[in-house]
Amino acid sequence: MLGIALSEMVLADDEQATADQLEQLKSEIKKIQQRMQAQEDQRDALQVSLRETELDINRLDKQLARVAKSIDAETSKLERLESERIQLEDEVTAEKEALNSDLRNLWSLQQGGGLRILFGDQEPQRVARNLAYYELLLDSRGEQIARLRGLAEKLAANASAIRVTRDALDSDRRQLASQRDRSQALRKKREQTVAEIERQIGRDGDRMAKLEGDRKRLTNLLSQLKSAVPVMKAPGDYPPFVKSRSAIKRPVDGKPRNRFGEQRNAGNMRWRGWIIPARGGADVKAIYFGRVVYADWLRGHGLLLIIDHGDGWLSLYGQNRTLQKQVGDWVSPDDTIATVGASGGAIFPALYFEIRKDGDPVDPGKWVPG
């Protein structure tokens, strides 16, 4: 008994320690975000507007997905209820026809009065059969009426459920239409903001300065994450990331449009990851087991999600439309973590993907099929 009690105490201590570490992680990430936001140029209203608009689109798209899922469920329920209604109506029709047939037979037997059944000009055996049939009809009539009453009650409940489901479906459809209108307005606003940003950084020198600023912000974020993120015990046993090379799949369907280390536009900057064009809204998958250590908007990278795979290995997923995981979540290979977008001021939908070791970029082509 003492051993069991001690085991339970140890387990409770481990769970509390994990919960405390998760709260510490969230608190540290929040502080990092606040510090980095304070470092941004507060006069840059366009970037502030872009951030707010893309975060609004992220929230709204997730709401749209939930409403669409609700509509699918309600539509399936309505189809099931309608099928049930047809079946009930068929059963009612069959019961009514059976009852009418029995009543006609009963009326036929009762012609001339009940004594005719017993003392008519029929053979005794036939009289006995008629009498038994007469009694059977009287008994079955009560059962048929009871079944009809039960079917009528089921039909009434079915009709009420259909009304409630149709009302919910109509409400969700109105909400979906309203949210889609708002989503289109937000996207138009985003396009105008991105166009203005592009106009301002049209010169090569300005563009290079922007890219260099974006790179420094990401490097700064990763440096702060490295020192702030606590080591947490994984929820299960799995091989180290370094041994998983042959098992890793691409995070999204599509072919990279650049090579790692390739020169990036003008200047001496080179690609530290892949741009993978894909359909907007397509699922972005985690490449391996790990824990989400960042899930927010970062200037130049849009809605960015970072997974810590342990031993200094990180995978980065940028420019997303929506983020499906939050800081502290554990993920497995093929878990949907985001959807493809063009956030951060990108021109076309694509995933920006990196792998890093101890903060340094690593060629994704050595780990993930190109």
Protein backbone atom coordinates (compact mmCIF):
# COMPACT_ATOMS: atom_id res chain seq x y z
CA MET A 1 0.00 0.00 0.00
CA LEU A 2 2.82 2.35 0.87
CA GLY A 3 4.44 1.65 -2.53
CA ILE A 4 1.21 2.48 -4.36
CA ALA A 5 0.76 5.67 -2.40
CA LEU A 6 4.34 6.74 -3.12
CA SER A 7 3.87 5.97 -6.85
CA GLU A 8 0.73 8.09 -6.93
CA MET A 9 2.56 10.94 -5.19
CA VAL A 10 5.44 10.75 -7.71
CA LEU A 11 3.00 10.72 -10.64
CA ALA A 12 1.14 13.71 -9.22
CA ASP A 13 4.45 15.54 -8.74
CA ASP A 14 5.44 14.81 -12.39
CA GLU A 15 2.09 16.08 -13.69
CA GLN A 16 2.36 19.24 -11.59
CA ALA A 17 5.94 19.79 -12.77
CA THR A 18 4.84 19.43 -16.41
CA ALA A 19 1.96 21.87 -15.87
CA ASP A 20 4.33 24.35 -14.19
CA GLN A 21 6.81 24.04 -17.09
CA LEU A 22 4.05 24.66 -19.63
CA GLU A 23 2.94 27.81 -17.80
CA GLN A 24 6.58 28.92 -17.64
CA LEU A 25 6.93 28.31 -21.39
CA LYS A 26 3.81 30.34 -22.22
CA SER A 27 4.93 33.13 -19.90
CA GLU A 28 8.41 33.29 -21.46
CA ILE A 29 7.01 33.28 -25.01
CA LYS A 30 4.66 36.13 -24.10
CA LYS A 31 7.57 38.16 -22.70
CA ILE A 32 9.60 37.52 -25.87
CA GLN A 33 6.70 38.65 -28.05
CA GLN A 34 6.28 41.81 -25.98
CA ARG A 35 10.00 42.62 -26.17
CA MET A 36 10.14 42.06 -29.91
CA GLN A 37 6.99 44.10 -30.47
CA ALA A 38 8.50 46.94 -28.44
CA GLN A 39 11.59 46.80 -30.65
CA GLU A 40 9.56 47.26 -33.84
CA ASP A 41 9.26 50.71 -35.32
CA GLN A 42 5.96 51.93 -33.88
CA ARG A 43 5.72 54.51 -36.66
CA ASP A 44 5.38 51.79 -39.30
CA ALA A 45 1.59 51.87 -39.45
CA LEU A 46 1.47 49.67 -42.55
CA GLN A 47 3.17 46.73 -40.84
CA VAL A 48 0.97 47.17 -37.78
CA SER A 49 -2.10 47.17 -40.04
CA LEU A 50 -0.84 44.09 -41.88
CA ARG A 51 -0.26 42.22 -38.62
CA GLU A 52 -3.70 43.06 -37.25
CA THR A 53 -5.44 42.20 -40.53
CA GLU A 54 -3.69 38.85 -40.94
CA LEU A 55 -4.37 37.89 -37.33
CA ASP A 56 -8.04 38.79 -37.89
CA ILE A 57 -8.07 36.61 -41.02
CA ASN A 58 -6.50 33.77 -39.02
CA ARG A 59 -9.24 33.95 -36.36
CA LEU A 60 -12.03 34.39 -38.90
CA ASP A 61 -10.90 31.50 -41.11
CA LYS A 62 -10.89 29.17 -38.11
CA GLN A 63 -14.42 30.36 -37.24
CA LEU A 64 -15.48 29.74 -40.85
CA ALA A 65 -14.09 26.21 -40.67
CA ARG A 66 -16.01 25.53 -37.44
CA VAL A 67 -19.27 26.87 -38.91
CA ALA A 68 -18.78 24.88 -42.13
CA LYS A 69 -18.19 21.73 -40.06
CA SER A 70 -21.36 22.46 -38.06
CA ILE A 71 -23.32 22.90 -41.30
CA ASP A 72 -22.06 19.54 -42.58
CA ALA A 73 -23.12 17.85 -39.34
CA GLU A 74 -26.54 19.50 -39.37
CA THR A 75 -27.06 18.64 -43.05
CA SER A 76 -26.26 14.98 -42.34
CA LYS A 77 -28.63 15.02 -39.37
CA LEU A 78 -31.38 16.57 -41.49
CA GLU A 79 -30.93 13.92 -44.18
CA ARG A 80 -31.16 11.20 -41.53
CA LEU A 81 -34.30 12.75 -40.03
CA GLU A 82 -35.92 13.07 -43.46
CA SER A 83 -35.14 9.41 -44.19
CA GLU A 84 -36.62 8.48 -40.79
CA ARG A 85 -39.74 10.55 -41.57
CA ILE A 86 -40.30 8.72 -44.86
CA GLN A 87 -39.89 5.36 -43.12
CA LEU A 88 -42.35 6.35 -40.37
CA GLU A 89 -44.90 7.57 -42.90
CA ASP A 90 -44.61 4.28 -44.78
CA GLU A 91 -45.18 2.38 -41.53
CA VAL A 92 -48.23 4.54 -40.73
CA THR A 93 -49.66 3.88 -44.19
CA ALA A 94 -49.12 0.14 -43.82
CA GLU A 95 -50.73 0.10 -40.35
CA LYS A 96 -53.73 2.09 -41.59
CA GLU A 97 -54.23 -0.26 -44.53
CA ALA A 98 -54.01 -3.29 -42.23
CA LEU A 99 -56.47 -1.72 -39.79
CA ASN A 100 -58.90 -0.82 -42.59
CA SER A 101 -58.71 -4.37 -43.94
CA ASP A 102 -59.44 -5.83 -40.51
CA LEU A 103 -62.31 -3.42 -39.97
CA ARG A 104 -63.84 -4.44 -43.30
CA ASN A 105 -63.54 -8.08 -42.38
CA LEU A 106 -65.03 -7.37 -38.96
CA TRP A 107 -67.93 -5.48 -40.54
CA SER A 108 -68.52 -8.41 -42.90
CA LEU A 109 -68.64 -10.88 -40.03
CA GLN A 110 -70.99 -8.63 -38.07
CA GLN A 111 -73.60 -8.39 -40.87
CA GLY A 112 -76.82 -9.78 -39.48
CA GLY A 113 -75.60 -9.45 -35.89
CA GLY A 114 -73.29 -11.39 -33.73
CA LEU A 115 -75.75 -14.30 -33.38
CA ARG A 116 -75.43 -15.00 -37.08
CA ILE A 117 -71.85 -15.98 -36.51
CA LEU A 118 -72.99 -18.60 -34.00
CA PHE A 119 -76.36 -19.73 -35.37
CA GLY A 120 -76.22 -18.95 -39.07
CA ASP A 121 -76.79 -21.58 -41.73
CA GLN A 122 -73.15 -22.65 -41.66
CA GLU A 123 -71.47 -25.84 -40.60
CA PRO A 124 -70.43 -25.93 -36.93
CA GLN A 125 -66.71 -26.08 -37.85
CA ARG A 126 -67.00 -22.94 -39.97
CA VAL A 127 -68.93 -21.18 -37.21
CA ALA A 128 -66.14 -22.02 -34.76
CA ARG A 129 -63.50 -20.66 -37.13
CA ASN A 130 -65.45 -17.46 -37.68
CA LEU A 131 -65.86 -16.98 -33.97
CA ALA A 132 -62.12 -17.42 -33.37
CA TYR A 133 -61.32 -15.04 -36.23
CA TYR A 134 -63.82 -12.50 -34.85
CA GLU A 135 -62.16 -12.58 -31.43
CA LEU A 136 -58.72 -12.25 -33.05
CA LEU A 137 -59.81 -9.20 -35.01
CA LEU A 138 -61.17 -7.55 -31.88
CA ASP A 139 -57.86 -8.12 -30.06
CA SER A 140 -55.62 -7.01 -32.97
CA ARG A 141 -57.58 -3.81 -33.51
CA GLY A 142 -56.49 -2.49 -30.10
CA GLU A 143 -52.85 -3.38 -30.83
CA GLN A 144 -53.01 -1.67 -34.23
CA ILE A 145 -54.44 1.50 -32.72
CA ALA A 146 -51.69 1.49 -30.07
CA ARG A 147 -49.02 1.08 -32.78
CA LEU A 148 -50.55 3.89 -34.81
CA ARG A 149 -50.55 6.14 -31.75
CA GLY A 150 -46.88 5.34 -31.13
CA LEU A 151 -45.98 6.03 -34.76
CA ALA A 152 -47.86 9.34 -34.63
CA GLU A 153 -45.86 10.37 -31.56
CA LYS A 154 -42.58 9.45 -33.32
CA LEU A 155 -43.64 11.44 -36.38
CA ALA A 156 -44.40 14.48 -34.21
CA ALA A 157 -40.99 14.22 -32.49
CA ASN A 158 -39.33 13.77 -35.89
CA ALA A 159 -41.09 16.85 -37.29
CA SER A 160 -39.98 18.90 -34.26
CA ALA A 161 -36.36 17.72 -34.65
CA ILE A 162 -36.46 18.59 -38.36
CA ARG A 163 -37.70 22.13 -37.56
CA VAL A 164 -34.98 22.67 -34.93
CA THR A 165 -32.26 21.33 -37.26
CA ARG A 166 -33.45 23.46 -40.19
CA ASP A 167 -33.51 26.56 -37.96
CA ALA A 168 -29.93 25.84 -36.78
CA LEU A 169 -28.85 25.20 -40.36
CA ASP A 170 -30.39 28.47 -41.58
CA SER A 171 -28.72 30.37 -38.72
CA ASP A 172 -25.31 28.84 -39.47
CA ARG A 173 -25.69 29.57 -43.19
CA ARG A 174 -26.49 33.22 -42.46
CA GLN A 175 -23.49 33.40 -40.13
CA LEU A 176 -21.29 31.77 -42.76
CA ALA A 177 -22.41 34.26 -45.43
CA SER A 178 -21.76 37.19 -43.07
CA GLN A 179 -18.31 35.90 -42.11
CA ARG A 180 -17.40 35.29 -45.74
CA ASP A 181 -18.31 38.87 -46.57
CA ARG A 182 -16.11 40.08 -43.71
CA SER A 183 -13.33 37.72 -44.80
CA GLN A 184 -13.43 39.15 -48.33
CA ALA A 185 -13.30 42.68 -46.94
CA LEU A 186 -10.28 41.77 -44.78
CA ARG A 187 -8.50 40.17 -47.71
CA LYS A 188 -9.11 43.24 -49.86
CA LYS A 189 -7.72 45.40 -47.07
CA ARG A 190 -4.69 43.10 -46.84
CA GLU A 191 -4.07 43.31 -50.60
CA GLN A 192 -4.13 47.10 -50.44
CA THR A 193 -1.71 47.10 -47.48
CA VAL A 194 0.68 44.67 -49.18
CA ALA A 195 0.57 46.71 -52.40
CA GLU A 196 1.46 49.87 -50.46
CA ILE A 197 4.31 48.09 -48.66
CA GLU A 198 5.61 46.80 -52.01
CA ARG A 199 5.43 50.33 -53.40
CA GLN A 200 7.47 51.68 -50.49
CA ILE A 201 10.18 49.01 -50.77
CA GLY A 202 10.24 49.01 -54.57
CA ARG A 203 13.89 49.95 -54.75
CA ASP A 204 16.45 47.10 -54.45
CA GLY A 205 18.21 48.81 -51.57
CA ASP A 206 15.00 49.15 -49.58
CA ARG A 207 14.05 45.56 -50.37
CA MET A 208 17.39 44.24 -49.19
CA ALA A 209 17.10 46.29 -46.01
CA LYS A 210 13.66 44.76 -45.40
CA LEU A 211 14.92 41.22 -45.99
CA GLU A 212 17.88 41.82 -43.71
CA GLY A 213 15.53 43.17 -41.04
CA ASP A 214 13.27 40.12 -41.41
CA ARG A 215 16.26 37.82 -41.02
CA LYS A 216 17.50 39.61 -37.92
CA ARG A 217 14.07 39.44 -36.32
CA LEU A 218 13.90 35.68 -36.87
CA THR A 219 17.47 35.19 -35.60
CA ASN A 220 16.66 37.29 -32.55
CA LEU A 221 13.50 35.27 -31.89
CA LEU A 222 15.33 31.94 -32.15
CA SER A 223 18.11 33.17 -29.88
CA GLN A 224 15.62 34.20 -27.21
CA LEU A 225 13.66 30.95 -27.56
CA LYS A 226 16.83 28.95 -27.04
CA SER A 227 17.47 30.52 -23.66
CA ALA A 228 13.83 30.81 -22.56
CA VAL A 229 12.23 27.49 -23.46
CA PRO A 230 12.37 24.97 -20.58
CA VAL A 231 13.19 21.32 -21.17
CA MET A 232 9.94 19.36 -20.91
CA LYS A 233 9.43 15.62 -20.75
CA ALA A 234 7.87 14.27 -23.95
CA PRO A 235 4.46 12.56 -23.57
CA GLY A 236 5.82 9.42 -25.26
CA ASP A 237 8.97 7.66 -26.40
CA TYR A 238 10.14 8.26 -29.96
CA PRO A 239 13.52 8.15 -31.76
CA PRO A 240 15.65 11.31 -31.74
CA PHE A 241 15.13 13.66 -34.66
CA VAL A 242 18.65 13.02 -35.95
CA LYS A 243 17.75 9.34 -36.55
CA SER A 244 14.53 10.10 -38.40
CA ARG A 245 15.95 11.33 -41.70
CA SER A 246 14.54 8.53 -43.87
CA ALA A 247 11.06 8.80 -42.33
CA ILE A 248 10.44 12.55 -42.72
CA LYS A 249 7.91 13.75 -45.31
CA ARG A 250 7.36 17.17 -46.83
CA PRO A 251 5.19 19.44 -44.67
CA VAL A 252 2.93 20.32 -47.61
CA ASP A 253 2.26 18.96 -51.10
CA GLY A 254 4.30 20.97 -53.58
CA LYS A 255 7.77 21.41 -55.00
CA PRO A 256 10.20 24.01 -53.59
CA ARG A 257 10.73 26.91 -55.97
CA ASN A 258 14.24 27.61 -54.66
CA ARG A 259 17.32 25.75 -53.42
CA PHE A 260 18.85 26.10 -49.99
CA GLY A 261 21.81 28.52 -50.12
CA GLU A 262 20.73 29.92 -53.47
CA GLN A 263 21.19 33.67 -53.96
CA ARG A 264 18.06 35.57 -53.00
CA ASN A 265 17.20 38.39 -55.42
CA ALA A 266 19.82 41.10 -55.48
CA GLY A 267 22.67 41.38 -53.00
CA ASN A 268 24.49 38.70 -51.05
CA MET A 269 21.56 37.25 -49.13
CA ARG A 270 20.90 33.55 -49.61
CA TRP A 271 17.93 31.31 -48.93
CA ARG A 272 17.98 29.63 -45.53
CA GLY A 273 14.93 27.49 -46.24
CA TRP A 274 12.38 26.58 -48.87
CA ILE A 275 9.46 28.42 -50.40
CA ILE A 276 6.93 25.71 -51.32
CA PRO A 277 4.03 27.09 -53.41
CA ALA A 278 0.76 25.36 -52.58
CA ARG A 279 -2.98 25.84 -52.71
CA GLY A 280 -4.17 28.47 -50.25
CA GLY A 281 -5.82 26.77 -47.28
CA ALA A 282 -4.04 23.43 -47.83
CA ASP A 283 -3.00 21.58 -44.66
CA VAL A 284 0.51 22.09 -43.32
CA LYS A 285 1.81 18.99 -41.50
CA ALA A 286 4.37 18.59 -38.75
CA ILE A 287 7.43 16.75 -40.06
CA TYR A 288 8.24 15.00 -36.76
CA PHE A 289 7.38 14.64 -33.09
CA GLY A 290 7.90 17.76 -31.02
CA ARG A 291 6.45 20.62 -29.04
CA VAL A 292 5.19 23.95 -30.36
CA VAL A 293 7.33 26.74 -28.90
CA TYR A 294 6.07 29.63 -31.05
CA ALA A 295 2.75 30.29 -32.77
CA ASP A 296 2.16 33.94 -33.63
CA TRP A 297 2.69 36.63 -36.26
CA LEU A 298 6.27 37.72 -36.92
CA ARG A 299 7.07 40.61 -39.21
CA GLY A 300 8.41 39.37 -42.53
CA HIS A 301 7.29 35.80 -41.85
CA GLY A 302 3.59 36.26 -41.16
CA LEU A 303 1.83 33.63 -39.09
CA LEU A 304 4.77 31.54 -37.96
CA LEU A 305 4.84 28.23 -36.08
CA ILE A 306 8.02 26.70 -34.64
CA ILE A 307 8.37 23.14 -33.36
CA ASP A 308 11.13 22.05 -30.98
CA HIS A 309 12.17 18.45 -31.80
CA GLY A 310 14.75 18.23 -29.02
CA ASP A 311 18.56 18.24 -28.99
CA GLY A 312 18.65 21.71 -30.60
CA TRP A 313 16.57 20.74 -33.65
CA LEU A 314 13.77 23.07 -34.77
CA SER A 315 11.42 23.18 -37.76
CA LEU A 316 9.85 26.48 -38.87
CA TYR A 317 6.65 26.98 -40.85
CA GLY A 318 5.91 30.54 -42.05
CA GLN A 319 3.50 32.60 -44.17
CA ASN A 320 0.50 30.54 -42.97
CA ARG A 321 -3.14 31.55 -43.35
CA THR A 322 -4.16 29.98 -40.04
CA LEU A 323 -2.37 28.37 -37.10
CA GLN A 324 -4.02 25.19 -35.81
CA LYS A 325 -1.77 24.62 -32.78
CA GLN A 326 -0.71 26.78 -29.86
CA VAL A 327 2.37 27.11 -27.67
CA GLY A 328 2.90 24.03 -25.51
CA ASP A 329 1.05 21.59 -27.79
CA TRP A 330 2.78 18.30 -28.54
CA VAL A 331 2.57 17.19 -32.16
CA SER A 332 3.23 14.01 -34.12
CA PRO A 333 4.25 13.48 -37.76
CA ASP A 334 1.42 14.33 -40.18
CA ASP A 335 -0.52 16.34 -37.57
CA THR A 336 -2.11 19.39 -39.19
CA ILE A 337 -0.48 22.41 -37.57
CA ALA A 338 -1.45 25.23 -39.95
CA THR A 339 -2.91 26.05 -43.36
CA VAL A 340 -1.05 27.49 -46.34
CA GLY A 341 -1.35 31.22 -46.90
CA ALA A 342 0.52 34.34 -47.93
CA SER A 343 0.75 36.16 -44.60
CA GLY A 344 3.59 38.50 -43.77
CA GLY A 345 3.17 40.40 -47.02
CA ALA A 346 3.79 37.51 -49.43
CA ILE A 347 2.39 37.84 -52.95
CA PHE A 348 1.24 34.24 -53.53
CA PRO A 349 0.24 31.36 -51.21
CA ALA A 350 3.20 29.22 -50.18
CA LEU A 351 4.80 27.68 -47.13
CA TYR A 352 8.14 29.04 -45.95
CA PHE A 353 9.94 26.08 -44.35
CA GLU A 354 13.20 25.84 -42.45
CA ILE A 355 15.08 23.28 -40.37
CA ARG A 356 17.59 24.55 -37.80
CA LYS A 357 20.16 22.99 -35.52
CA ASP A 358 21.26 25.05 -32.51
CA GLY A 359 19.89 28.12 -34.29
CA ASP A 360 21.79 27.55 -37.55
CA PRO A 361 19.87 26.83 -40.78
CA VAL A 362 20.25 23.33 -42.26
CA ASP A 363 19.52 22.30 -45.85
CA PRO A 364 15.98 20.82 -45.76
CA GLY A 365 16.85 18.77 -48.84
CA LYS A 366 19.07 16.56 -46.70
CA TRP A 367 16.09 15.67 -44.52
CA VAL A 368 12.93 16.10 -46.56
CA PRO A 369 12.26 14.89 -50.12
CA GLY A 370 12.45 17.86 -52.48
